Amino acid sequence: MCLSVPMQVESLEAGGALAWVVRGDRREQVNMLLVGEQPVGTWVLVALGFAKEVLDEPERAQIEEALEALAATLDDDYDPDRYFADLDAARSPV
């Protein structure tokens, strides 16, 4: 299984075909072929050395929350009331 994570474009190389991206202390070079050249500061979803998708802030926030929920689950500290409020709102009757 492959997990995609949001990473921020830090710099470009090879005419925008490659980018250095960062997430916390993690830094790696990724291929931008699937999303095209993106400006520095753009958040992209990265897996297996490829930027797969350009993320807007709401999408990135949802993914970050899901990653936090996964980490909490692995730490045996998951609280269902703390995560996925957007799903609860979708289920609530109007």
Protein backbone atom coordinates (compact mmCIF):
# COMPACT_ATOMS: atom_id res chain seq x y z
CA MET A 1 0.00 0.00 0.00
CA CYS A 2 1.18 3.49 -0.82
CA LEU A 3 0.32 6.52 1.29
CA SER A 4 0.27 9.92 -0.39
CA VAL A 5 1.20 12.93 1.73
CA PRO A 6 0.93 16.69 1.21
CA MET A 7 4.26 18.38 0.58
CA GLN A 8 5.06 21.99 -0.28
CA VAL A 9 7.05 22.99 -3.36
CA GLU A 10 10.30 24.57 -2.19
CA SER A 11 12.17 24.99 -5.48
CA LEU A 12 12.08 23.90 -9.12
CA GLU A 13 14.65 22.24 -11.37
CA ALA A 14 14.87 21.03 -14.96
CA GLY A 15 12.51 23.72 -16.24
CA GLY A 16 9.83 22.80 -13.70
CA ALA A 17 9.83 19.07 -14.50
CA LEU A 18 11.32 18.34 -11.08
CA ALA A 19 10.74 20.03 -7.74
CA TRP A 20 12.18 19.90 -4.26
CA VAL A 21 9.30 19.53 -1.82
CA VAL A 22 9.21 19.68 1.97
CA ARG A 23 7.05 18.49 4.83
CA GLY A 24 8.43 19.21 8.27
CA ASP A 25 12.00 17.87 8.34
CA ARG A 26 11.41 15.69 5.28
CA ARG A 27 12.74 16.97 1.94
CA GLU A 28 12.70 15.12 -1.36
CA GLN A 29 12.85 15.64 -5.07
CA VAL A 30 9.71 14.73 -7.02
CA ASN A 31 8.67 14.48 -10.64
CA MET A 32 6.08 17.11 -11.60
CA LEU A 33 5.02 15.47 -14.88
CA LEU A 34 1.48 14.65 -13.67
CA VAL A 35 0.65 18.14 -12.35
CA GLY A 36 2.88 20.38 -14.44
CA GLU A 37 5.14 23.14 -13.20
CA GLN A 38 3.79 24.72 -10.00
CA PRO A 39 4.84 27.89 -8.21
CA VAL A 40 7.00 27.72 -5.10
CA GLY A 41 4.73 27.44 -2.06
CA THR A 42 2.14 25.24 -3.77
CA TRP A 43 1.00 22.14 -1.86
CA VAL A 44 0.99 18.90 -3.84
CA LEU A 45 0.03 15.35 -2.95
CA VAL A 46 3.15 13.17 -3.26
CA ALA A 47 3.59 9.41 -3.60
CA LEU A 48 6.46 7.31 -4.87
CA GLY A 49 8.47 10.30 -6.08
CA PHE A 50 5.63 11.88 -8.08
CA ALA A 51 3.45 14.90 -7.37
CA LYS A 52 0.01 13.41 -8.12
CA GLU A 53 -2.33 16.32 -7.45
CA VAL A 54 -2.29 20.04 -6.64
CA LEU A 55 -4.04 20.68 -3.31
CA ASP A 56 -6.10 23.66 -2.25
CA GLU A 57 -6.19 24.54 1.45
CA PRO A 58 -9.48 22.75 2.32
CA GLU A 59 -8.25 19.52 0.67
CA ARG A 60 -4.90 19.77 2.43
CA ALA A 61 -6.62 20.34 5.80
CA GLN A 62 -8.77 17.22 5.33
CA ILE A 63 -5.76 15.10 4.42
CA GLU A 64 -3.75 16.45 7.37
CA GLU A 65 -6.65 15.59 9.69
CA ALA A 66 -6.85 12.07 8.27
CA LEU A 67 -3.08 11.62 8.78
CA GLU A 68 -3.42 12.87 12.38
CA ALA A 69 -6.27 10.39 12.94
CA LEU A 70 -4.13 7.58 11.53
CA ALA A 71 -1.22 8.53 13.81
CA ALA A 72 -3.57 8.67 16.82
CA THR A 73 -4.91 5.23 15.94
CA LEU A 74 -1.40 3.81 15.69
CA ASP A 75 -0.59 5.40 19.07
CA ASP A 76 -3.77 3.86 20.53
CA ASP A 77 -5.03 7.37 21.26
CA TYR A 78 -7.87 7.77 18.74
CA ASP A 79 -10.89 9.83 19.84
CA PRO A 80 -13.74 9.66 17.30
CA ASP A 81 -15.14 13.00 18.50
CA ARG A 82 -11.89 14.76 17.59
CA TYR A 83 -11.65 13.85 13.91
CA PHE A 84 -13.72 14.03 10.73
CA ALA A 85 -16.20 16.73 11.74
CA ASP A 86 -16.93 17.22 8.03
CA LEU A 87 -18.31 13.68 7.86
CA ASP A 88 -20.45 14.20 10.96
CA ALA A 89 -21.89 17.38 9.43
CA ALA A 90 -22.73 15.51 6.22
CA ARG A 91 -24.67 12.87 8.19
CA SER A 92 -26.62 15.33 10.34
CA PRO A 93 -30.25 15.91 9.31
CA VAL A 94 -31.02 19.36 7.99
